[in-house]
Amino acid sequence: MNKTFIPDGYRPVLDAYDTQRAIAYIKDTFQSEFASALNLKRVSAPLFVTDASGLNDNLNGYERPVSFDVPAIGSEAEVVHSLAKWKRLALKRYRFSVGNGLYTDMNAIRRDEELDNIHSIYVDQWDWEKIITRETRTVEYLQLIVRAIVDAICNTSDRLRVRFPQLKTTLSRDVTFITTQELEDLYPDLKTGSERERAFVKEHPTAFIMQIGGKLRSGNRHDGRAPDYDDWQLNGDLFFWDETLGRALEISSMGIRVDAESLDRQLTLAGCDDRRELPFHKMLLADELPLTIGGGIGQSRLCMLMMGCAHIGEVQSSIWDAETVRLCEEAGVPLL
């Protein structure tokens, strides 16, 4: 069943030329704001890793990576799902110090993604990682970083509206924090995490939903999360209310990363003890990697939010099923 939704009366605010100008402005401006706020340096990053390295992100655990053989090295390679693990290893290899971090363009192919207004098989995001101390592995520090990211996003949006005054999107800097258990308790009649997210973000237009990955008191999970990058007690998703689509739009997934203790616990809870023998995991369990916080920020989603777009295909080039193409053409929604 096709999930594309065209809001009644929707028309793009910018033409094709100004759309490209606005995308470039958002990306350039946000990178500068973001890197300055978090003290990050830009680095180069891989498009693929070997399957034996254990560096690929397993996301929710069921997505299949795009893989291919590399005869020259006699090994299989996988297109990255994200760089959650690679970044932490890079901080060690590049000799970053406490309080400093890195960011990079992350481009991925997620072949099993269900296509709709905000999902594409092509993922483009800023992946970032920063070295912290054990004393800052706290909820308070996580919230401090979230507020800095929200300020960078809102600063970019404000500057974009000066450059393109026909754009009317305004974003709230007032972040509301809530845990997944508090969210379940607040909406006991709503059955899924996404339903609870929509209800909450509609009332709190900038929200950070914390503690994703473990089971709730109901026995269910709010959402899946791989056990070997975020600490499930110190992570979360950042949402803004998307007025165009009338929904909660996730812009970032982030968190304080696992240390040896939380990795040991989460591997067992997730039934993934076999990963203990992978090189990356061995280093983590032996406390050979720095303590970090990090995440990803969706580039196309940020653009569509600030520009008031109805479909992610308006701000990124991807491929779509025939029904989506037909619906968008009939509604005058231009897919790049």
C-alpha atoms as a PDB file:
ATOM      1  CA  MET A   1       0.000   0.000   0.000  1.00  0.00           C
ATOM      2  CA  ASN A   2       1.395   3.382  -1.022  1.00  0.00           C
ATOM      3  CA  LYS A   3       2.002   5.669   1.978  1.00  0.00           C
ATOM      4  CA  THR A   4       2.580   8.957   0.157  1.00  0.00           C
ATOM      5  CA  PHE A   5       0.427  11.762   1.540  1.00  0.00           C
ATOM      6  CA  ILE A   6      -0.148  15.091  -0.220  1.00  0.00           C
ATOM      7  CA  PRO A   7      -1.605  17.780   2.100  1.00  0.00           C
ATOM      8  CA  ASP A   8      -4.697  19.536   0.767  1.00  0.00           C
ATOM      9  CA  GLY A   9      -3.802  22.637  -1.200  1.00  0.00           C
ATOM     10  CA  TYR A  10      -0.058  22.057  -0.929  1.00  0.00           C
ATOM     11  CA  ARG A  11       2.179  23.943  -3.363  1.00  0.00           C
ATOM     12  CA  PRO A  12       5.964  24.300  -3.137  1.00  0.00           C
ATOM     13  CA  VAL A  13       6.992  27.744  -1.932  1.00  0.00           C
ATOM     14  CA  LEU A  14      10.231  27.887  -3.940  1.00  0.00           C
ATOM     15  CA  ASP A  15      10.831  27.114  -7.605  1.00  0.00           C
ATOM     16  CA  ALA A  16      13.437  24.560  -8.703  1.00  0.00           C
ATOM     17  CA  TYR A  17      16.304  27.064  -8.886  1.00  0.00           C
ATOM     18  CA  ASP A  18      15.653  28.675  -5.498  1.00  0.00           C
ATOM     19  CA  THR A  19      15.113  25.220  -3.959  1.00  0.00           C
ATOM     20  CA  GLN A  20      18.693  24.330  -4.842  1.00  0.00           C
ATOM     21  CA  ARG A  21      19.944  27.664  -3.507  1.00  0.00           C
ATOM     22  CA  ALA A  22      18.068  27.143  -0.248  1.00  0.00           C
ATOM     23  CA  ILE A  23      19.375  23.581   0.191  1.00  0.00           C
ATOM     24  CA  ALA A  24      22.947  24.804  -0.247  1.00  0.00           C
ATOM     25  CA  TYR A  25      22.363  27.678   2.189  1.00  0.00           C
ATOM     26  CA  ILE A  26      20.876  25.409   4.862  1.00  0.00           C
ATOM     27  CA  LYS A  27      23.723  22.901   4.638  1.00  0.00           C
ATOM     28  CA  ASP A  28      26.494  25.505   4.626  1.00  0.00           C
ATOM     29  CA  THR A  29      24.972  27.547   7.442  1.00  0.00           C
ATOM     30  CA  PHE A  30      24.045  24.676   9.705  1.00  0.00           C
ATOM     31  CA  GLN A  31      27.459  23.009   9.389  1.00  0.00           C
ATOM     32  CA  SER A  32      29.113  26.222  10.536  1.00  0.00           C
ATOM     33  CA  GLU A  33      26.678  26.788  13.429  1.00  0.00           C
ATOM     34  CA  PHE A  34      26.780  23.160  14.523  1.00  0.00           C
ATOM     35  CA  ALA A  35      30.557  22.660  14.346  1.00  0.00           C
ATOM     36  CA  SER A  36      31.162  25.857  16.302  1.00  0.00           C
ATOM     37  CA  ALA A  37      28.603  25.002  19.009  1.00  0.00           C
ATOM     38  CA  LEU A  38      30.006  21.517  19.663  1.00  0.00           C
ATOM     39  CA  ASN A  39      33.686  22.153  18.832  1.00  0.00           C
ATOM     40  CA  LEU A  40      33.801  19.690  15.931  1.00  0.00           C
ATOM     41  CA  LYS A  41      36.251  19.277  13.041  1.00  0.00           C
ATOM     42  CA  ARG A  42      35.243  17.964   9.635  1.00  0.00           C
ATOM     43  CA  VAL A  43      36.815  14.653   8.524  1.00  0.00           C
ATOM     44  CA  SER A  44      36.522  12.239   5.613  1.00  0.00           C
ATOM     45  CA  ALA A  45      34.587   9.010   6.176  1.00  0.00           C
ATOM     46  CA  PRO A  46      34.059   5.653   4.430  1.00  0.00           C
ATOM     47  CA  LEU A  47      31.130   4.757   2.208  1.00  0.00           C
ATOM     48  CA  PHE A  48      31.661   1.056   2.990  1.00  0.00           C
ATOM     49  CA  VAL A  49      33.390  -1.197   5.530  1.00  0.00           C
ATOM     50  CA  THR A  50      34.259  -4.898   5.576  1.00  0.00           C
ATOM     51  CA  ASP A  51      31.618  -7.193   7.023  1.00  0.00           C
ATOM     52  CA  ALA A  52      34.181  -8.764   9.366  1.00  0.00           C
ATOM     53  CA  SER A  53      35.101  -5.474  11.025  1.00  0.00           C
ATOM     54  CA  GLY A  54      31.880  -5.182  13.052  1.00  0.00           C
ATOM     55  CA  LEU A  55      31.873  -1.458  12.264  1.00  0.00           C
ATOM     56  CA  ASN A  56      28.574  -1.291  10.413  1.00  0.00           C
ATOM     57  CA  ASP A  57      25.533  -0.019  12.284  1.00  0.00           C
ATOM     58  CA  ASN A  58      22.911  -2.740  12.762  1.00  0.00           C
ATOM     59  CA  LEU A  59      20.129  -0.172  13.256  1.00  0.00           C
ATOM     60  CA  ASN A  60      17.031  -2.095  14.378  1.00  0.00           C
ATOM     61  CA  GLY A  61      18.640  -5.455  13.636  1.00  0.00           C
ATOM     62  CA  TYR A  62      16.607  -6.538  10.612  1.00  0.00           C
ATOM     63  CA  GLU A  63      17.814  -4.191   7.857  1.00  0.00           C
ATOM     64  CA  ARG A  64      20.004  -5.862   5.240  1.00  0.00           C
ATOM     65  CA  PRO A  65      23.142  -3.963   4.232  1.00  0.00           C
ATOM     66  CA  VAL A  66      23.988  -3.580   0.574  1.00  0.00           C
ATOM     67  CA  SER A  67      27.023  -5.826   0.175  1.00  0.00           C
ATOM     68  CA  PHE A  68      29.472  -6.728  -2.560  1.00  0.00           C
ATOM     69  CA  ASP A  69      32.609  -8.787  -2.923  1.00  0.00           C
ATOM     70  CA  VAL A  70      36.016  -7.150  -3.354  1.00  0.00           C
ATOM     71  CA  PRO A  71      38.219  -9.657  -5.207  1.00  0.00           C
ATOM     72  CA  ALA A  72      41.357  -7.561  -4.692  1.00  0.00           C
ATOM     73  CA  ILE A  73      41.219  -8.090  -0.924  1.00  0.00           C
ATOM     74  CA  GLY A  74      39.315 -11.371  -0.835  1.00  0.00           C
ATOM     75  CA  SER A  75      36.597 -10.006   1.413  1.00  0.00           C
ATOM     76  CA  GLU A  76      32.980  -8.835   1.476  1.00  0.00           C
ATOM     77  CA  ALA A  77      32.236  -5.146   1.897  1.00  0.00           C
ATOM     78  CA  GLU A  78      29.032  -3.468   3.109  1.00  0.00           C
ATOM     79  CA  VAL A  79      27.699  -0.004   2.369  1.00  0.00           C
ATOM     80  CA  VAL A  80      27.411   1.652   5.772  1.00  0.00           C
ATOM     81  CA  HIS A  81      24.024   2.087   7.440  1.00  0.00           C
ATOM     82  CA  SER A  82      25.593   4.795   9.560  1.00  0.00           C
ATOM     83  CA  LEU A  83      29.002   5.590  11.033  1.00  0.00           C
ATOM     84  CA  ALA A  84      28.069   5.194  14.711  1.00  0.00           C
ATOM     85  CA  LYS A  85      30.970   2.840  15.460  1.00  0.00           C
ATOM     86  CA  TRP A  86      33.500   4.062  12.893  1.00  0.00           C
ATOM     87  CA  LYS A  87      33.469   7.582  14.341  1.00  0.00           C
ATOM     88  CA  ARG A  88      34.511   6.412  17.786  1.00  0.00           C
ATOM     89  CA  LEU A  89      37.398   4.448  16.383  1.00  0.00           C
ATOM     90  CA  ALA A  90      38.392   7.457  14.256  1.00  0.00           C
ATOM     91  CA  LEU A  91      38.573   9.709  17.324  1.00  0.00           C
ATOM     92  CA  LYS A  92      41.158   7.345  18.796  1.00  0.00           C
ATOM     93  CA  ARG A  93      43.133   6.950  15.568  1.00  0.00           C
ATOM     94  CA  TYR A  94      43.179  10.702  14.841  1.00  0.00           C
ATOM     95  CA  ARG A  95      44.193  11.475  18.446  1.00  0.00           C
ATOM     96  CA  PHE A  96      41.330  13.808  19.310  1.00  0.00           C
ATOM     97  CA  SER A  97      41.320  15.089  22.894  1.00  0.00           C
ATOM     98  CA  VAL A  98      38.554  15.453  25.476  1.00  0.00           C
ATOM     99  CA  GLY A  99      36.087  18.193  24.524  1.00  0.00           C
ATOM    100  CA  ASN A 100      36.846  17.909  20.803  1.00  0.00           C
ATOM    101  CA  GLY A 101      35.028  15.950  18.164  1.00  0.00           C
ATOM    102  CA  LEU A 102      34.434  15.297  14.487  1.00  0.00           C
ATOM    103  CA  TYR A 103      31.639  15.452  11.963  1.00  0.00           C
ATOM    104  CA  THR A 104      31.288  14.146   8.438  1.00  0.00           C
ATOM    105  CA  ASP A 105      28.851  13.592   5.598  1.00  0.00           C
ATOM    106  CA  MET A 106      27.344  10.125   5.896  1.00  0.00           C
ATOM    107  CA  ASN A 107      25.707   8.695   2.783  1.00  0.00           C
ATOM    108  CA  ALA A 108      23.949   5.339   3.027  1.00  0.00           C
ATOM    109  CA  ILE A 109      21.654   3.013   1.130  1.00  0.00           C
ATOM    110  CA  ARG A 110      18.939   1.420   3.244  1.00  0.00           C
ATOM    111  CA  ARG A 111      17.370  -1.042   0.866  1.00  0.00           C
ATOM    112  CA  ASP A 112      14.627  -2.230   3.249  1.00  0.00           C
ATOM    113  CA  GLU A 113      13.277   1.244   4.046  1.00  0.00           C
ATOM    114  CA  GLU A 114       9.535   1.691   3.510  1.00  0.00           C
ATOM    115  CA  LEU A 115       9.031   4.663   1.206  1.00  0.00           C
ATOM    116  CA  ASP A 116       6.788   7.547   2.253  1.00  0.00           C
ATOM    117  CA  ASN A 117       6.948  11.332   2.604  1.00  0.00           C
ATOM    118  CA  ILE A 118       9.965  11.281   4.929  1.00  0.00           C
ATOM    119  CA  HIS A 119      11.681   7.959   4.110  1.00  0.00           C
ATOM    120  CA  SER A 120      13.939   7.188   1.164  1.00  0.00           C
ATOM    121  CA  ILE A 121      16.363   4.367   0.441  1.00  0.00           C
ATOM    122  CA  TYR A 122      19.040   7.086   0.245  1.00  0.00           C
ATOM    123  CA  VAL A 123      20.113   8.515   3.601  1.00  0.00           C
ATOM    124  CA  ASP A 124      22.190  11.670   3.897  1.00  0.00           C
ATOM    125  CA  GLN A 125      23.091  12.942   7.325  1.00  0.00           C
ATOM    126  CA  TRP A 126      25.767  14.651   9.336  1.00  0.00           C
ATOM    127  CA  ASP A 127      27.326  12.030  11.566  1.00  0.00           C
ATOM    128  CA  TRP A 128      29.192  13.467  14.544  1.00  0.00           C
ATOM    129  CA  GLU A 129      31.079  12.247  17.605  1.00  0.00           C
ATOM    130  CA  LYS A 130      32.742  14.030  20.528  1.00  0.00           C
ATOM    131  CA  ILE A 131      35.024  12.818  23.327  1.00  0.00           C
ATOM    132  CA  ILE A 132      33.688  13.242  26.860  1.00  0.00           C
ATOM    133  CA  THR A 133      34.770  12.257  30.356  1.00  0.00           C
ATOM    134  CA  ARG A 134      33.224   9.644  32.607  1.00  0.00           C
ATOM    135  CA  GLU A 135      31.865  12.454  34.786  1.00  0.00           C
ATOM    136  CA  THR A 136      29.852  13.804  31.860  1.00  0.00           C
ATOM    137  CA  ARG A 137      28.143  10.495  31.078  1.00  0.00           C
ATOM    138  CA  THR A 138      24.961  11.993  32.520  1.00  0.00           C
ATOM    139  CA  VAL A 139      21.445  12.928  31.463  1.00  0.00           C
ATOM    140  CA  GLU A 140      22.248  16.569  32.258  1.00  0.00           C
ATOM    141  CA  TYR A 141      25.138  16.620  29.796  1.00  0.00           C
ATOM    142  CA  LEU A 142      23.056  14.877  27.128  1.00  0.00           C
ATOM    143  CA  GLN A 143      20.384  17.554  27.497  1.00  0.00           C
ATOM    144  CA  LEU A 144      23.009  20.317  27.304  1.00  0.00           C
ATOM    145  CA  ILE A 145      24.195  18.991  23.943  1.00  0.00           C
ATOM    146  CA  VAL A 146      20.620  18.611  22.677  1.00  0.00           C
ATOM    147  CA  ARG A 147      19.901  22.255  23.471  1.00  0.00           C
ATOM    148  CA  ALA A 148      23.066  23.327  21.622  1.00  0.00           C
ATOM    149  CA  ILE A 149      21.963  21.388  18.530  1.00  0.00           C
ATOM    150  CA  VAL A 150      18.457  22.869  18.693  1.00  0.00           C
ATOM    151  CA  ASP A 151      19.956  26.377  18.893  1.00  0.00           C
ATOM    152  CA  ALA A 152      22.105  25.665  15.821  1.00  0.00           C
ATOM    153  CA  ILE A 153      19.027  24.434  13.928  1.00  0.00           C
ATOM    154  CA  CYS A 154      16.914  27.431  14.957  1.00  0.00           C
ATOM    155  CA  ASN A 155      19.719  29.896  14.136  1.00  0.00           C
ATOM    156  CA  THR A 156      19.941  28.371  10.656  1.00  0.00           C
ATOM    157  CA  SER A 157      16.174  28.546  10.189  1.00  0.00           C
ATOM    158  CA  ASP A 158      16.089  32.198  11.254  1.00  0.00           C
ATOM    159  CA  ARG A 159      18.863  33.109   8.827  1.00  0.00           C
ATOM    160  CA  LEU A 160      17.179  31.129   6.025  1.00  0.00           C
ATOM    161  CA  ARG A 161      13.967  33.165   6.376  1.00  0.00           C
ATOM    162  CA  VAL A 162      15.980  36.377   6.019  1.00  0.00           C
ATOM    163  CA  ARG A 163      17.482  35.056   2.770  1.00  0.00           C
ATOM    164  CA  PHE A 164      14.150  33.634   1.544  1.00  0.00           C
ATOM    165  CA  PRO A 165      11.371  35.702   3.193  1.00  0.00           C
ATOM    166  CA  GLN A 166       8.665  33.737   1.359  1.00  0.00           C
ATOM    167  CA  LEU A 167       9.421  30.801   3.694  1.00  0.00           C
ATOM    168  CA  LYS A 168       7.260  30.894   6.830  1.00  0.00           C
ATOM    169  CA  THR A 169       8.434  27.931   8.950  1.00  0.00           C
ATOM    170  CA  THR A 170       9.264  28.880  12.532  1.00  0.00           C
ATOM    171  CA  LEU A 171      10.849  26.454  14.996  1.00  0.00           C
ATOM    172  CA  SER A 172      10.714  26.502  18.776  1.00  0.00           C
ATOM    173  CA  ARG A 173      13.939  26.629  20.799  1.00  0.00           C
ATOM    174  CA  ASP A 174      12.090  25.424  23.911  1.00  0.00           C
ATOM    175  CA  VAL A 175      12.971  21.714  24.155  1.00  0.00           C
ATOM    176  CA  THR A 176      10.782  19.399  26.207  1.00  0.00           C
ATOM    177  CA  PHE A 177      12.488  16.255  27.507  1.00  0.00           C
ATOM    178  CA  ILE A 178      10.589  13.057  28.270  1.00  0.00           C
ATOM    179  CA  THR A 179      11.539   9.379  28.638  1.00  0.00           C
ATOM    180  CA  THR A 180       9.888   6.586  26.676  1.00  0.00           C
ATOM    181  CA  GLN A 181       8.452   5.174  29.898  1.00  0.00           C
ATOM    182  CA  GLU A 182       6.959   8.534  30.845  1.00  0.00           C
ATOM    183  CA  LEU A 183       5.520   8.721  27.341  1.00  0.00           C
ATOM    184  CA  GLU A 184       3.910   5.291  27.665  1.00  0.00           C
ATOM    185  CA  ASP A 185       2.483   6.246  31.066  1.00  0.00           C
ATOM    186  CA  LEU A 186       1.152   9.518  29.621  1.00  0.00           C
ATOM    187  CA  TYR A 187      -0.644   7.832  26.713  1.00  0.00           C
ATOM    188  CA  PRO A 188      -1.669   4.354  27.949  1.00  0.00           C
ATOM    189  CA  ASP A 189      -4.314   3.995  25.231  1.00  0.00           C
ATOM    190  CA  LEU A 190      -1.881   4.575  22.363  1.00  0.00           C
ATOM    191  CA  LYS A 191      -0.298   1.300  21.275  1.00  0.00           C
ATOM    192  CA  THR A 192       2.811   2.305  19.326  1.00  0.00           C
ATOM    193  CA  GLY A 193       5.793   4.523  19.974  1.00  0.00           C
ATOM    194  CA  SER A 194       5.133   6.556  16.832  1.00  0.00           C
ATOM    195  CA  GLU A 195       1.548   7.279  17.945  1.00  0.00           C
ATOM    196  CA  ARG A 196       2.795   8.515  21.308  1.00  0.00           C
ATOM    197  CA  GLU A 197       5.506  10.613  19.629  1.00  0.00           C
ATOM    198  CA  ARG A 198       2.949  12.342  17.405  1.00  0.00           C
ATOM    199  CA  ALA A 199       0.597  13.103  20.306  1.00  0.00           C
ATOM    200  CA  PHE A 200       3.384  14.515  22.464  1.00  0.00           C
ATOM    201  CA  VAL A 201       5.203  16.553  19.824  1.00  0.00           C
ATOM    202  CA  LYS A 202       1.940  18.107  18.652  1.00  0.00           C
ATOM    203  CA  GLU A 203       1.673  19.625  22.133  1.00  0.00           C
ATOM    204  CA  HIS A 204       5.440  20.223  22.557  1.00  0.00           C
ATOM    205  CA  PRO A 205       6.731  21.212  19.095  1.00  0.00           C
ATOM    206  CA  THR A 206      10.399  20.651  19.931  1.00  0.00           C
ATOM    207  CA  ALA A 207      10.918  17.479  21.972  1.00  0.00           C
ATOM    208  CA  PHE A 208      13.655  15.043  22.871  1.00  0.00           C
ATOM    209  CA  ILE A 209      12.415  11.532  23.686  1.00  0.00           C
ATOM    210  CA  MET A 210      14.940   9.671  25.846  1.00  0.00           C
ATOM    211  CA  GLN A 211      15.883   6.108  26.780  1.00  0.00           C
ATOM    212  CA  ILE A 212      15.240   4.165  23.582  1.00  0.00           C
ATOM    213  CA  GLY A 213      16.169   0.512  23.144  1.00  0.00           C
ATOM    214  CA  GLY A 214      15.227  -1.346  26.299  1.00  0.00           C
ATOM    215  CA  LYS A 215      11.875  -2.854  27.225  1.00  0.00           C
ATOM    216  CA  LEU A 216       9.215  -0.716  28.891  1.00  0.00           C
ATOM    217  CA  ARG A 217       7.122  -1.878  31.829  1.00  0.00           C
ATOM    218  CA  SER A 218       4.515  -3.088  29.340  1.00  0.00           C
ATOM    219  CA  GLY A 219       7.080  -5.527  27.965  1.00  0.00           C
ATOM    220  CA  ASN A 220       7.230  -3.683  24.649  1.00  0.00           C
ATOM    221  CA  ARG A 221       9.978  -1.490  23.229  1.00  0.00           C
ATOM    222  CA  HIS A 222       9.307   2.080  22.204  1.00  0.00           C
ATOM    223  CA  ASP A 223      11.567   1.493  19.209  1.00  0.00           C
ATOM    224  CA  GLY A 224      14.513  -0.690  18.300  1.00  0.00           C
ATOM    225  CA  ARG A 225      18.110   0.339  18.874  1.00  0.00           C
ATOM    226  CA  ALA A 226      21.305  -1.609  18.274  1.00  0.00           C
ATOM    227  CA  PRO A 227      22.958  -2.639  21.570  1.00  0.00           C
ATOM    228  CA  ASP A 228      26.498  -1.634  20.706  1.00  0.00           C
ATOM    229  CA  TYR A 229      26.610   2.116  20.207  1.00  0.00           C
ATOM    230  CA  ASP A 230      24.137   4.126  22.367  1.00  0.00           C
ATOM    231  CA  ASP A 231      23.726   3.560  26.091  1.00  0.00           C
ATOM    232  CA  TRP A 232      19.964   2.908  26.201  1.00  0.00           C
ATOM    233  CA  GLN A 233      19.680   4.948  29.417  1.00  0.00           C
ATOM    234  CA  LEU A 234      21.471   7.968  27.908  1.00  0.00           C
ATOM    235  CA  ASN A 235      20.135   8.356  24.382  1.00  0.00           C
ATOM    236  CA  GLY A 236      17.159   9.759  22.520  1.00  0.00           C
ATOM    237  CA  ASP A 237      15.552  11.154  19.368  1.00  0.00           C
ATOM    238  CA  LEU A 238      15.054  14.842  18.582  1.00  0.00           C
ATOM    239  CA  PHE A 239      11.692  15.793  17.050  1.00  0.00           C
ATOM    240  CA  PHE A 240      10.177  18.951  15.604  1.00  0.00           C
ATOM    241  CA  TRP A 241       6.523  19.401  14.750  1.00  0.00           C
ATOM    242  CA  ASP A 242       6.164  19.521  10.960  1.00  0.00           C
ATOM    243  CA  GLU A 243       3.280  21.882  10.238  1.00  0.00           C
ATOM    244  CA  THR A 244       3.137  20.991   6.543  1.00  0.00           C
ATOM    245  CA  LEU A 245       2.644  17.276   7.159  1.00  0.00           C
ATOM    246  CA  GLY A 246       0.950  17.582  10.546  1.00  0.00           C
ATOM    247  CA  ARG A 247       3.310  15.098  12.158  1.00  0.00           C
ATOM    248  CA  ALA A 248       6.302  14.686  14.436  1.00  0.00           C
ATOM    249  CA  LEU A 249       9.465  14.749  12.336  1.00  0.00           C
ATOM    250  CA  GLU A 250      12.558  13.050  13.739  1.00  0.00           C
ATOM    251  CA  ILE A 251      15.620  15.107  12.855  1.00  0.00           C
ATOM    252  CA  SER A 252      18.289  13.393  14.944  1.00  0.00           C
ATOM    253  CA  SER A 253      19.029  10.165  16.777  1.00  0.00           C
ATOM    254  CA  MET A 254      21.848  10.542  19.278  1.00  0.00           C
ATOM    255  CA  GLY A 255      23.199   9.562  22.649  1.00  0.00           C
ATOM    256  CA  ILE A 256      26.054   8.995  25.018  1.00  0.00           C
ATOM    257  CA  ARG A 257      27.789   5.884  23.750  1.00  0.00           C
ATOM    258  CA  VAL A 258      28.186   2.586  25.564  1.00  0.00           C
ATOM    259  CA  ASP A 259      31.068   2.026  27.919  1.00  0.00           C
ATOM    260  CA  ALA A 260      32.332  -1.471  28.724  1.00  0.00           C
ATOM    261  CA  GLU A 261      29.710  -2.022  31.415  1.00  0.00           C
ATOM    262  CA  SER A 262      26.659  -0.918  29.412  1.00  0.00           C
ATOM    263  CA  LEU A 263      27.878  -2.735  26.282  1.00  0.00           C
ATOM    264  CA  ASP A 264      28.256  -5.959  28.259  1.00  0.00           C
ATOM    265  CA  ARG A 265      24.731  -5.592  29.646  1.00  0.00           C
ATOM    266  CA  GLN A 266      23.067  -4.624  26.363  1.00  0.00           C
ATOM    267  CA  LEU A 267      24.723  -7.364  24.302  1.00  0.00           C
ATOM    268  CA  THR A 268      23.243  -9.897  26.691  1.00  0.00           C
ATOM    269  CA  LEU A 269      19.796  -8.260  26.731  1.00  0.00           C
ATOM    270  CA  ALA A 270      19.723  -8.140  22.931  1.00  0.00           C
ATOM    271  CA  GLY A 271      20.950 -11.730  22.486  1.00  0.00           C
ATOM    272  CA  CYS A 272      24.009 -10.510  20.603  1.00  0.00           C
ATOM    273  CA  ASP A 273      26.810 -12.070  22.638  1.00  0.00           C
ATOM    274  CA  ASP A 274      28.447 -13.312  19.427  1.00  0.00           C
ATOM    275  CA  ARG A 275      29.552  -9.726  18.713  1.00  0.00           C
ATOM    276  CA  ARG A 276      31.946  -9.831  21.667  1.00  0.00           C
ATOM    277  CA  GLU A 277      34.530 -11.442  19.372  1.00  0.00           C
ATOM    278  CA  LEU A 278      34.495  -8.657  16.766  1.00  0.00           C
ATOM    279  CA  PRO A 279      37.533  -6.326  16.804  1.00  0.00           C
ATOM    280  CA  PHE A 280      35.585  -3.150  17.611  1.00  0.00           C
ATOM    281  CA  HIS A 281      33.675  -4.793  20.442  1.00  0.00           C
ATOM    282  CA  LYS A 282      36.816  -6.312  21.937  1.00  0.00           C
ATOM    283  CA  MET A 283      38.354  -2.844  22.109  1.00  0.00           C
ATOM    284  CA  LEU A 284      35.257  -1.432  23.790  1.00  0.00           C
ATOM    285  CA  LEU A 285      35.031  -4.199  26.364  1.00  0.00           C
ATOM    286  CA  ALA A 286      38.699  -3.674  27.169  1.00  0.00           C
ATOM    287  CA  ASP A 287      38.183   0.100  27.666  1.00  0.00           C
ATOM    288  CA  GLU A 288      40.533   0.874  24.768  1.00  0.00           C
ATOM    289  CA  LEU A 289      38.288   3.455  23.094  1.00  0.00           C
ATOM    290  CA  PRO A 290      37.446   6.968  24.316  1.00  0.00           C
ATOM    291  CA  LEU A 291      34.137   7.723  26.016  1.00  0.00           C
ATOM    292  CA  THR A 292      31.977   9.662  23.569  1.00  0.00           C
ATOM    293  CA  ILE A 293      28.651  11.213  22.710  1.00  0.00           C
ATOM    294  CA  GLY A 294      27.428  11.305  19.136  1.00  0.00           C
ATOM    295  CA  GLY A 295      24.623  10.978  16.651  1.00  0.00           C
ATOM    296  CA  GLY A 296      23.301  11.704  13.203  1.00  0.00           C
ATOM    297  CA  ILE A 297      21.336  14.690  11.887  1.00  0.00           C
ATOM    298  CA  GLY A 298      19.292  14.193   8.746  1.00  0.00           C
ATOM    299  CA  GLN A 299      20.312  16.635   6.020  1.00  0.00           C
ATOM    300  CA  SER A 300      17.313  16.162   3.725  1.00  0.00           C
ATOM    301  CA  ARG A 301      14.862  16.115   6.626  1.00  0.00           C
ATOM    302  CA  LEU A 302      16.297  19.343   7.992  1.00  0.00           C
ATOM    303  CA  CYS A 303      15.908  20.954   4.558  1.00  0.00           C
ATOM    304  CA  MET A 304      12.325  19.790   4.057  1.00  0.00           C
ATOM    305  CA  LEU A 305      11.380  20.949   7.565  1.00  0.00           C
ATOM    306  CA  MET A 306      12.819  24.456   7.156  1.00  0.00           C
ATOM    307  CA  MET A 307      11.470  24.854   3.618  1.00  0.00           C
ATOM    308  CA  GLY A 308       8.010  23.488   4.432  1.00  0.00           C
ATOM    309  CA  CYS A 309       8.232  20.690   1.868  1.00  0.00           C
ATOM    310  CA  ALA A 310       5.682  17.877   1.750  1.00  0.00           C
ATOM    311  CA  HIS A 311       7.992  15.150   0.405  1.00  0.00           C
ATOM    312  CA  ILE A 312      11.646  14.351   0.990  1.00  0.00           C
ATOM    313  CA  GLY A 313      12.030  13.829  -2.762  1.00  0.00           C
ATOM    314  CA  GLU A 314      11.713  17.607  -3.162  1.00  0.00           C
ATOM    315  CA  VAL A 315      15.130  18.086  -1.534  1.00  0.00           C
ATOM    316  CA  GLN A 316      17.070  14.941  -2.489  1.00  0.00           C
ATOM    317  CA  SER A 317      17.543  12.801  -5.587  1.00  0.00           C
ATOM    318  CA  SER A 318      16.441   9.201  -5.067  1.00  0.00           C
ATOM    319  CA  ILE A 319      14.227   6.602  -6.738  1.00  0.00           C
ATOM    320  CA  TRP A 320      10.534   6.080  -6.111  1.00  0.00           C
ATOM    321  CA  ASP A 321       7.813   3.609  -6.980  1.00  0.00           C
ATOM    322  CA  ALA A 322       5.522   4.427  -9.915  1.00  0.00           C
ATOM    323  CA  GLU A 323       2.527   5.250  -7.694  1.00  0.00           C
ATOM    324  CA  THR A 324       4.488   7.825  -5.689  1.00  0.00           C
ATOM    325  CA  VAL A 325       5.718   9.450  -8.880  1.00  0.00           C
ATOM    326  CA  ARG A 326       2.158   9.574 -10.262  1.00  0.00           C
ATOM    327  CA  LEU A 327       0.667  11.048  -7.076  1.00  0.00           C
ATOM    328  CA  CYS A 328       3.351  13.730  -6.870  1.00  0.00           C
ATOM    329  CA  GLU A 329       3.039  14.651 -10.534  1.00  0.00           C
ATOM    330  CA  GLU A 330      -0.743  15.013 -10.256  1.00  0.00           C
ATOM    331  CA  ALA A 331      -0.362  17.202  -7.145  1.00  0.00           C
ATOM    332  CA  GLY A 332       2.385  19.369  -8.639  1.00  0.00           C
ATOM    333  CA  VAL A 333       5.006  18.137  -6.180  1.00  0.00           C
ATOM    334  CA  PRO A 334       8.372  18.138  -8.001  1.00  0.00           C
ATOM    335  CA  LEU A 335      10.616  15.158  -7.215  1.00  0.00           C
ATOM    336  CA  LEU A 336      14.303  15.795  -7.882  1.00  0.00           C
END
